[in-house]
Amino acid sequence: MPTVLASARAVAAHSPSRLRSLGALTVAGLLLLGLVGGITLDNRATAARDLATRSEPLSLDAQELYRSLADADATAASGFLSGGVEPVELRKRYDADIARAMASLNDATAVGGADAAGFAQVARDIPVYTGLVETARTNNRQGQPVGAAYLREASGLMQNSMLPAVNEGYRAQNARAAADADRATAFPWWLLIVLALVGTGLFLGQRDLTRRTRRVFNQGLVAATLAVALAFGWAVIGLGAESAHLSTARSEGSDPVLALSAIRLAALQARADESLTLVARGTGEAFEMDFAQQTKFIGGRGGFDRAVELTRGLPVAGLVGEAKTAFNAWLGAHTKVRELDKAGNYPDAVKVAIGPDPASAASAFTVLDTRLGDAIDRSHATFAAGAARARGAVAGAGIGFGLLCALGAAAAAWGVGQRLKEYR
């Protein structure tokens, strides 16, 4: 006597219930595929958008904040060396640096996050720093030696508190940008798994119908298969183009920006050390040691060696080469500054350090900073263009993928329904 389970199997094998099960499973699978594919593609598009419009620009804001503050500190020290009233161009540069720093701070603190507290502390420290610099200038104009002490205090606040806080925020923003980039290029495992299951189900379902009905094709299931193929093709093309554009944006844009920015920020700190060594008048060994440390990094594997390697063959390679040449010229001028200072020829040492002569340290540093800034700007423009193309590659792909799968589900339901009518 047949069991209940065996009877159920027999009924399922010789009645419309098998077709209904096939139709329900096919429709459910296609709808699930549309949901998973739509979410996957939408998440990739969102990540690409966040990278282009939020995390990368905020990283640049933090970098600009660091650069502005470091340049303000170096400019203030150079102005102090001139004695009496500092040159107008140095005062304008210092004021512009402080204004840019405040603008960058507004953008950085508006986002919030774990690094916002550090940026807020920097905002509170800026008035203290500028106040110390003004006191140092006032005493310097009056010929009071205490002015140097105020300048060292201001620079100590900058180097030991403000710049480290900004650097932490800069690293946090870079980490966000890297996370968004990874999210935008993550391999779509779930999409492929569901696609494989649905594709296998469609194949087995059509084969089963062919065996039972003696008809080669079921129009509805064929249409569903074509819809899935179109959706898959759209996803492959979109995701592949997005990954390619982001890879180019990284290798030709953000990677050079990070390397060149590290050089530029180290150079600014070294420039401040150079001036402060002279300001200290024989007691600036700590500043000279830091200068040596910063320039060793710039000229080493993590500095220009890496930057030259990353930009080889890129449009900014020439600018990087000019910056490296200017850096070597600066080192030569700095050596002369130290020789004159140690020989007791302080006025000539100051002249070589901050004078307008093309062979001066100031002139070489200006060329270095300008070339690095131009290379950073161009590299960022390359990144922005690549990120925009990546966003465009997956724009609307999530909705399109979901709609195609929904149409495939409707076609599958219709195709199975046509076979069910034959049982009536």
Protein backbone atom coordinates (compact mmCIF):
# COMPACT_ATOMS: atom_id res chain seq x y z
CA MET A 1 0.00 0.00 0.00
CA PRO A 2 1.51 3.31 -1.09
CA THR A 3 2.47 5.74 1.63
CA VAL A 4 1.06 9.26 1.89
CA LEU A 5 4.42 10.72 0.78
CA ALA A 6 4.55 8.47 -2.25
CA SER A 7 0.98 9.44 -3.15
CA ALA A 8 1.86 13.12 -2.90
CA ARG A 9 4.83 12.58 -5.17
CA ALA A 10 2.69 10.81 -7.69
CA VAL A 11 0.15 13.62 -7.69
CA ALA A 12 2.89 16.23 -8.04
CA ALA A 13 4.40 14.34 -10.95
CA HIS A 14 1.15 14.03 -12.91
CA SER A 15 -0.79 17.19 -12.12
CA PRO A 16 -0.66 20.97 -12.49
CA SER A 17 0.71 21.23 -8.94
CA ARG A 18 4.22 20.62 -10.30
CA LEU A 19 3.79 23.48 -12.74
CA ARG A 20 2.47 25.75 -10.01
CA SER A 21 5.47 24.93 -7.83
CA LEU A 22 7.81 25.57 -10.72
CA GLY A 23 6.17 28.90 -11.47
CA ALA A 24 6.18 30.02 -7.84
CA LEU A 25 9.83 29.12 -7.34
CA THR A 26 10.86 30.79 -10.58
CA VAL A 27 8.99 34.01 -9.83
CA ALA A 28 10.33 34.09 -6.26
CA GLY A 29 13.89 33.48 -7.45
CA LEU A 30 13.69 36.21 -10.07
CA LEU A 31 12.28 38.70 -7.60
CA LEU A 32 14.99 37.79 -5.09
CA LEU A 33 17.62 38.23 -7.79
CA GLY A 34 16.19 41.64 -8.66
CA LEU A 35 16.28 42.67 -5.00
CA VAL A 36 19.85 41.47 -4.39
CA GLY A 37 21.13 42.89 -7.67
CA GLY A 38 19.38 46.20 -7.17
CA ILE A 39 20.76 46.61 -3.65
CA THR A 40 24.27 45.57 -4.73
CA LEU A 41 24.40 48.00 -7.65
CA ASP A 42 22.79 50.79 -5.64
CA ASN A 43 25.33 50.32 -2.85
CA ARG A 44 28.17 50.48 -5.36
CA ALA A 45 26.76 53.66 -6.86
CA THR A 46 26.32 55.19 -3.40
CA ALA A 47 29.89 54.33 -2.43
CA ALA A 48 31.25 55.86 -5.63
CA ARG A 49 29.18 58.97 -5.01
CA ASP A 50 30.34 59.25 -1.39
CA LEU A 51 33.94 58.84 -2.48
CA ALA A 52 33.68 61.57 -5.10
CA THR A 53 31.55 64.07 -3.20
CA ARG A 54 32.27 63.48 0.50
CA SER A 55 35.24 61.48 1.74
CA GLU A 56 37.85 62.53 -0.84
CA PRO A 57 36.95 66.27 -0.73
CA LEU A 58 36.99 66.15 3.08
CA SER A 59 40.42 64.53 2.98
CA LEU A 60 41.58 67.43 0.81
CA ASP A 61 40.04 69.90 3.29
CA ALA A 62 42.03 68.31 6.11
CA GLN A 63 45.17 68.38 3.97
CA GLU A 64 44.61 72.04 3.11
CA LEU A 65 44.08 72.82 6.80
CA TYR A 66 47.40 71.19 7.68
CA ARG A 67 49.18 72.93 4.81
CA SER A 68 47.75 76.34 5.70
CA LEU A 69 48.70 76.05 9.36
CA ALA A 70 52.18 74.71 8.64
CA ASP A 71 52.78 77.42 6.04
CA ALA A 72 51.56 80.09 8.46
CA ASP A 73 54.06 78.86 11.04
CA ALA A 74 56.91 78.82 8.52
CA THR A 75 55.95 82.26 7.18
CA ALA A 76 55.73 83.76 10.66
CA ALA A 77 59.22 82.48 11.47
CA SER A 78 60.62 83.82 8.18
CA GLY A 79 59.03 87.20 8.79
CA PHE A 80 60.53 87.35 12.27
CA LEU A 81 64.02 86.90 10.81
CA SER A 82 63.67 90.04 8.69
CA GLY A 83 63.86 92.17 11.85
CA GLY A 84 61.67 95.14 12.61
CA VAL A 85 58.61 95.35 10.36
CA GLU A 86 58.26 92.16 8.35
CA PRO A 87 57.94 92.34 4.54
CA VAL A 88 54.40 93.02 3.28
CA GLU A 89 54.32 89.90 1.10
CA LEU A 90 55.10 87.67 4.09
CA ARG A 91 52.40 89.33 6.18
CA LYS A 92 49.86 88.85 3.37
CA ARG A 93 50.84 85.21 2.99
CA TYR A 94 50.48 84.61 6.73
CA ASP A 95 47.04 86.26 6.83
CA ALA A 96 45.91 84.27 3.79
CA ASP A 97 47.07 81.03 5.44
CA ILE A 98 45.10 81.74 8.61
CA ALA A 99 41.98 82.64 6.56
CA ARG A 100 42.24 79.41 4.54
CA ALA A 101 42.76 77.42 7.71
CA MET A 102 39.58 78.82 9.24
CA ALA A 103 37.61 78.06 6.07
CA SER A 104 38.92 74.48 5.97
CA LEU A 105 38.12 74.07 9.66
CA ASN A 106 34.50 75.05 9.05
CA ASP A 107 34.17 72.32 6.42
CA ALA A 108 35.97 69.70 8.52
CA THR A 109 34.02 70.28 11.74
CA ALA A 110 30.66 70.39 9.94
CA VAL A 111 30.85 66.67 9.16
CA GLY A 112 31.36 65.44 12.70
CA GLY A 113 32.84 62.05 13.49
CA ALA A 114 35.57 60.91 15.82
CA ASP A 115 38.03 63.50 14.49
CA ALA A 116 35.68 66.48 14.94
CA ALA A 117 36.85 67.04 18.54
CA GLY A 118 40.44 67.43 17.35
CA PHE A 119 39.41 69.93 14.70
CA ALA A 120 37.37 71.82 17.29
CA GLN A 121 40.43 72.03 19.54
CA VAL A 122 42.44 73.43 16.65
CA ALA A 123 39.75 76.07 16.14
CA ARG A 124 40.15 77.08 19.79
CA ASP A 125 43.95 77.10 19.51
CA ILE A 126 44.16 79.34 16.43
CA PRO A 127 43.33 82.58 18.31
CA VAL A 128 45.90 81.65 20.97
CA TYR A 129 48.50 80.97 18.29
CA THR A 130 47.86 84.17 16.36
CA GLY A 131 47.94 86.14 19.61
CA LEU A 132 51.36 84.75 20.47
CA VAL A 133 52.63 85.55 16.97
CA GLU A 134 51.38 89.15 17.22
CA THR A 135 53.06 89.55 20.61
CA ALA A 136 56.29 88.19 19.14
CA ARG A 137 56.06 90.65 16.24
CA THR A 138 55.39 93.59 18.53
CA ASN A 139 58.42 92.80 20.67
CA ASN A 140 60.53 92.16 17.58
CA ARG A 141 59.68 95.58 16.14
CA GLN A 142 60.73 97.14 19.42
CA GLY A 143 64.01 95.21 19.45
CA GLN A 144 63.01 93.17 22.52
CA PRO A 145 64.66 89.71 22.66
CA VAL A 146 61.60 88.30 24.43
CA GLY A 147 59.90 88.28 21.05
CA ALA A 148 61.83 85.14 20.10
CA ALA A 149 60.47 83.39 23.18
CA TYR A 150 56.90 84.21 22.20
CA LEU A 151 57.54 82.97 18.67
CA ARG A 152 58.97 79.69 19.98
CA GLU A 153 55.93 79.30 22.22
CA ALA A 154 53.62 79.89 19.27
CA SER A 155 55.51 77.40 17.13
CA GLY A 156 55.52 74.88 19.98
CA LEU A 157 51.72 75.15 20.18
CA MET A 158 51.52 74.63 16.42
CA GLN A 159 53.98 71.74 16.19
CA ASN A 160 53.05 69.89 19.36
CA SER A 161 49.28 70.37 19.52
CA MET A 162 47.61 71.85 16.46
CA LEU A 163 49.35 70.03 13.62
CA PRO A 164 49.22 66.59 15.32
CA ALA A 165 45.47 67.05 15.87
CA VAL A 166 44.98 67.98 12.22
CA ASN A 167 47.14 65.06 11.14
CA GLU A 168 44.92 62.65 13.07
CA GLY A 169 41.87 64.12 11.35
CA TYR A 170 43.63 63.89 8.00
CA ARG A 171 44.38 60.21 8.58
CA ALA A 172 40.76 59.59 9.60
CA GLN A 173 39.49 61.26 6.43
CA ASN A 174 41.90 59.22 4.32
CA ALA A 175 40.65 56.06 6.03
CA ARG A 176 37.07 57.02 5.14
CA ALA A 177 38.06 57.60 1.54
CA ALA A 178 39.80 54.23 1.40
CA ALA A 179 36.76 52.52 2.95
CA ASP A 180 34.43 54.13 0.38
CA ALA A 181 36.77 53.08 -2.43
CA ASP A 182 36.85 49.50 -1.16
CA ARG A 183 33.05 49.49 -0.83
CA ALA A 184 32.72 50.81 -4.37
CA THR A 185 34.88 48.01 -5.78
CA ALA A 186 33.91 45.10 -3.51
CA PHE A 187 33.33 41.83 -5.35
CA PRO A 188 29.54 41.13 -5.64
CA TRP A 189 29.56 37.65 -4.13
CA TRP A 190 25.89 37.54 -3.10
CA LEU A 191 24.74 38.74 -6.50
CA LEU A 192 26.71 36.02 -8.26
CA ILE A 193 25.50 33.32 -5.87
CA VAL A 194 21.82 34.22 -6.32
CA LEU A 195 22.33 34.64 -10.07
CA ALA A 196 23.86 31.16 -10.30
CA LEU A 197 20.97 29.63 -8.36
CA VAL A 198 18.30 31.41 -10.41
CA GLY A 199 20.05 30.65 -13.69
CA THR A 200 20.31 26.96 -12.75
CA GLY A 201 16.66 26.95 -11.74
CA LEU A 202 15.58 28.45 -15.07
CA PHE A 203 17.63 25.88 -16.99
CA LEU A 204 16.28 22.91 -15.02
CA GLY A 205 12.72 24.23 -15.18
CA GLN A 206 12.80 24.61 -18.96
CA ARG A 207 14.37 21.18 -19.35
CA ASP A 208 11.64 19.66 -17.19
CA LEU A 209 8.91 21.36 -19.22
CA THR A 210 10.51 20.20 -22.46
CA ARG A 211 10.51 16.58 -21.30
CA ARG A 212 6.92 16.67 -20.08
CA THR A 213 5.26 18.75 -22.76
CA ARG A 214 7.41 17.73 -25.74
CA ARG A 215 7.84 21.40 -26.57
CA VAL A 216 11.35 22.72 -27.01
CA PHE A 217 10.71 26.23 -25.71
CA ASN A 218 8.40 27.90 -23.25
CA GLN A 219 8.07 31.49 -24.40
CA GLY A 220 7.63 32.90 -20.92
CA LEU A 221 10.66 31.16 -19.47
CA VAL A 222 12.74 32.05 -22.53
CA ALA A 223 11.76 35.70 -22.06
CA ALA A 224 12.66 35.44 -18.35
CA THR A 225 16.05 33.98 -19.26
CA LEU A 226 16.69 36.82 -21.73
CA ALA A 227 15.72 39.38 -19.08
CA VAL A 228 18.17 37.84 -16.62
CA ALA A 229 20.88 37.76 -19.30
CA LEU A 230 20.31 41.45 -20.06
CA ALA A 231 20.38 42.34 -16.37
CA PHE A 232 23.54 40.34 -15.88
CA GLY A 233 25.19 41.95 -18.90
CA TRP A 234 24.25 45.42 -17.66
CA ALA A 235 25.67 44.62 -14.22
CA VAL A 236 28.91 43.18 -15.60
CA ILE A 237 29.51 46.14 -17.92
CA GLY A 238 28.58 48.71 -15.27
CA LEU A 239 30.55 47.15 -12.43
CA GLY A 240 33.54 46.50 -14.67
CA ALA A 241 33.59 50.07 -15.94
CA GLU A 242 33.17 51.43 -12.42
CA SER A 243 36.08 49.35 -11.12
CA ALA A 244 38.29 50.34 -14.05
CA HIS A 245 37.55 54.06 -13.64
CA LEU A 246 38.11 53.94 -9.88
CA SER A 247 41.34 52.01 -10.35
CA THR A 248 42.59 54.71 -12.72
CA ALA A 249 41.38 57.43 -10.38
CA ARG A 250 43.36 55.85 -7.57
CA SER A 251 46.58 55.10 -9.43
CA GLU A 252 46.71 58.40 -11.35
CA GLY A 253 44.88 60.60 -8.85
CA SER A 254 44.52 59.85 -5.17
CA ASP A 255 47.74 57.82 -4.75
CA PRO A 256 49.94 60.61 -6.19
CA VAL A 257 48.00 63.17 -4.15
CA LEU A 258 48.75 61.32 -0.91
CA ALA A 259 52.44 60.88 -1.75
CA LEU A 260 52.94 64.48 -2.89
CA SER A 261 50.97 65.86 0.05
CA ALA A 262 53.21 63.98 2.49
CA ILE A 263 56.25 65.61 0.88
CA ARG A 264 54.68 69.05 0.89
CA LEU A 265 53.65 68.90 4.54
CA ALA A 266 57.08 67.64 5.62
CA ALA A 267 58.73 70.40 3.58
CA LEU A 268 56.63 73.06 5.29
CA GLN A 269 57.59 71.78 8.70
CA ALA A 270 61.26 71.67 7.67
CA ARG A 271 61.02 75.25 6.41
CA ALA A 272 59.71 76.38 9.79
CA ASP A 273 62.54 74.45 11.49
CA GLU A 274 65.07 76.20 9.27
CA SER A 275 63.86 79.66 10.26
CA LEU A 276 63.39 78.80 13.93
CA THR A 277 66.96 77.49 14.10
CA LEU A 278 68.13 80.98 13.16
CA VAL A 279 65.65 82.65 15.49
CA ALA A 280 67.03 80.61 18.39
CA ARG A 281 70.51 82.15 17.82
CA GLY A 282 72.66 79.19 18.77
CA THR A 283 70.13 77.22 20.81
CA GLY A 284 68.13 75.70 17.99
CA GLU A 285 69.64 72.21 17.88
CA ALA A 286 66.20 70.60 18.26
CA PHE A 287 64.89 72.51 15.25
CA GLU A 288 67.91 71.54 13.17
CA MET A 289 67.49 67.89 14.15
CA ASP A 290 63.85 67.97 13.10
CA PHE A 291 64.86 69.64 9.82
CA ALA A 292 67.24 66.75 9.15
CA GLN A 293 64.54 64.21 9.97
CA GLN A 294 61.95 65.83 7.71
CA THR A 295 64.30 66.26 4.76
CA LYS A 296 65.55 62.70 5.14
CA PHE A 297 61.97 61.52 4.68
CA ILE A 298 61.42 63.83 1.72
CA GLY A 299 64.52 62.63 -0.11
CA GLY A 300 64.07 58.99 0.82
CA ARG A 301 61.95 55.99 -0.12
CA GLY A 302 58.76 57.36 1.37
CA GLY A 303 59.18 60.79 -0.21
CA PHE A 304 60.35 61.66 -3.70
CA ASP A 305 61.38 58.09 -4.55
CA ARG A 306 57.80 56.96 -4.09
CA ALA A 307 56.32 60.06 -5.76
CA VAL A 308 58.52 59.66 -8.84
CA GLU A 309 57.56 55.99 -9.07
CA LEU A 310 53.83 56.72 -8.76
CA THR A 311 53.82 59.53 -11.32
CA ARG A 312 56.11 57.95 -13.91
CA GLY A 313 54.46 58.37 -17.30
CA LEU A 314 51.74 60.68 -15.93
CA PRO A 315 51.22 64.33 -16.97
CA VAL A 316 52.46 65.53 -13.56
CA ALA A 317 55.80 63.71 -13.83
CA GLY A 318 57.52 66.87 -15.08
CA LEU A 319 56.25 68.90 -12.13
CA VAL A 320 57.45 66.24 -9.72
CA GLY A 321 60.89 66.27 -11.34
CA GLU A 322 61.08 70.07 -11.04
CA ALA A 323 60.02 69.85 -7.40
CA LYS A 324 62.77 67.31 -6.68
CA THR A 325 65.35 69.56 -8.34
CA ALA A 326 64.14 72.50 -6.25
CA PHE A 327 64.36 70.35 -3.12
CA ASN A 328 68.00 69.54 -3.81
CA ALA A 329 68.71 73.23 -4.43
CA TRP A 330 67.04 74.04 -1.12
CA LEU A 331 69.23 71.52 0.71
CA GLY A 332 72.29 73.15 -0.85
CA ALA A 333 71.17 76.60 0.25
CA HIS A 334 70.38 75.30 3.73
CA THR A 335 73.89 73.91 4.05
CA LYS A 336 75.22 77.36 3.23
CA VAL A 337 72.89 78.94 5.81
CA ARG A 338 74.21 76.66 8.51
CA GLU A 339 77.84 77.26 7.55
CA LEU A 340 77.39 81.03 7.71
CA ASP A 341 75.50 80.86 11.00
CA LYS A 342 78.08 78.61 12.65
CA ALA A 343 80.84 80.93 11.42
CA GLY A 344 79.15 83.82 13.23
CA ASN A 345 77.96 85.56 10.05
CA TYR A 346 74.36 85.77 11.15
CA PRO A 347 73.19 88.59 8.78
CA ASP A 348 74.40 86.72 5.69
CA ALA A 349 72.89 83.48 6.99
CA VAL A 350 69.52 85.21 7.32
CA LYS A 351 69.92 86.70 3.86
CA VAL A 352 70.51 83.30 2.29
CA ALA A 353 67.61 81.84 4.28
CA ILE A 354 64.90 84.39 3.42
CA GLY A 355 66.38 86.65 0.75
CA PRO A 356 64.97 87.08 -2.79
CA ASP A 357 68.12 85.86 -4.54
CA PRO A 358 67.36 82.91 -6.88
CA ALA A 359 69.99 80.87 -5.05
CA SER A 360 68.46 81.52 -1.62
CA ALA A 361 66.70 78.89 0.45
CA ALA A 362 63.48 80.91 0.24
CA SER A 363 63.51 80.92 -3.57
CA ALA A 364 64.21 77.19 -3.82
CA PHE A 365 61.53 76.40 -1.27
CA THR A 366 58.98 78.57 -3.12
CA VAL A 367 59.62 76.63 -6.33
CA LEU A 368 59.36 73.34 -4.43
CA ASP A 369 56.07 74.28 -2.78
CA THR A 370 54.58 75.70 -5.99
CA ARG A 371 55.44 72.67 -8.11
CA LEU A 372 54.11 70.28 -5.49
CA GLY A 373 50.90 72.30 -5.20
CA ASP A 374 50.38 72.27 -8.98
CA ALA A 375 51.03 68.52 -9.15
CA ILE A 376 48.58 67.88 -6.31
CA ASP A 377 45.88 70.00 -7.95
CA ARG A 378 46.26 68.25 -11.30
CA SER A 379 46.31 64.81 -9.70
CA HIS A 380 43.16 65.60 -7.77
CA ALA A 381 41.47 66.79 -10.98
CA THR A 382 42.38 63.42 -12.51
CA PHE A 383 40.85 61.63 -9.54
CA ALA A 384 37.67 63.73 -9.67
CA ALA A 385 37.21 62.99 -13.38
CA GLY A 386 37.73 59.25 -12.87
CA ALA A 387 35.38 59.15 -9.89
CA ALA A 388 32.71 60.97 -11.90
CA ARG A 389 33.01 58.43 -14.70
CA ALA A 390 32.77 55.61 -12.15
CA ARG A 391 29.54 57.08 -10.77
CA GLY A 392 28.12 57.36 -14.27
CA ALA A 393 28.95 53.74 -15.04
CA VAL A 394 26.55 52.42 -12.38
CA ALA A 395 24.04 55.27 -12.36
CA GLY A 396 20.54 53.78 -12.57
CA ALA A 397 21.92 50.24 -12.86
CA GLY A 398 20.28 49.11 -9.62
CA ILE A 399 16.81 50.21 -10.70
CA GLY A 400 17.31 48.82 -14.20
CA PHE A 401 18.49 45.47 -12.89
CA GLY A 402 15.48 45.20 -10.56
CA LEU A 403 13.01 46.13 -13.32
CA LEU A 404 14.45 43.57 -15.76
CA CYS A 405 14.18 40.85 -13.14
CA ALA A 406 10.60 41.91 -12.36
CA LEU A 407 9.74 41.71 -16.07
CA GLY A 408 11.39 38.29 -16.16
CA ALA A 409 9.25 37.18 -13.22
CA ALA A 410 6.10 38.36 -14.98
CA ALA A 411 7.14 36.56 -18.17
CA ALA A 412 7.85 33.35 -16.26
CA ALA A 413 4.47 33.49 -14.54
CA TRP A 414 2.76 33.99 -17.91
CA GLY A 415 4.69 31.15 -19.54
CA VAL A 416 3.85 28.68 -16.78
CA GLY A 417 0.26 29.89 -16.82
CA GLN A 418 -0.02 29.00 -20.50
CA ARG A 419 0.94 25.43 -19.70
CA LEU A 420 -1.52 25.27 -16.80
CA LYS A 421 -4.40 26.19 -19.16
CA GLU A 422 -3.77 22.98 -21.06
CA TYR A 423 -4.96 21.00 -18.01
CA ARG A 424 -8.39 22.63 -18.03
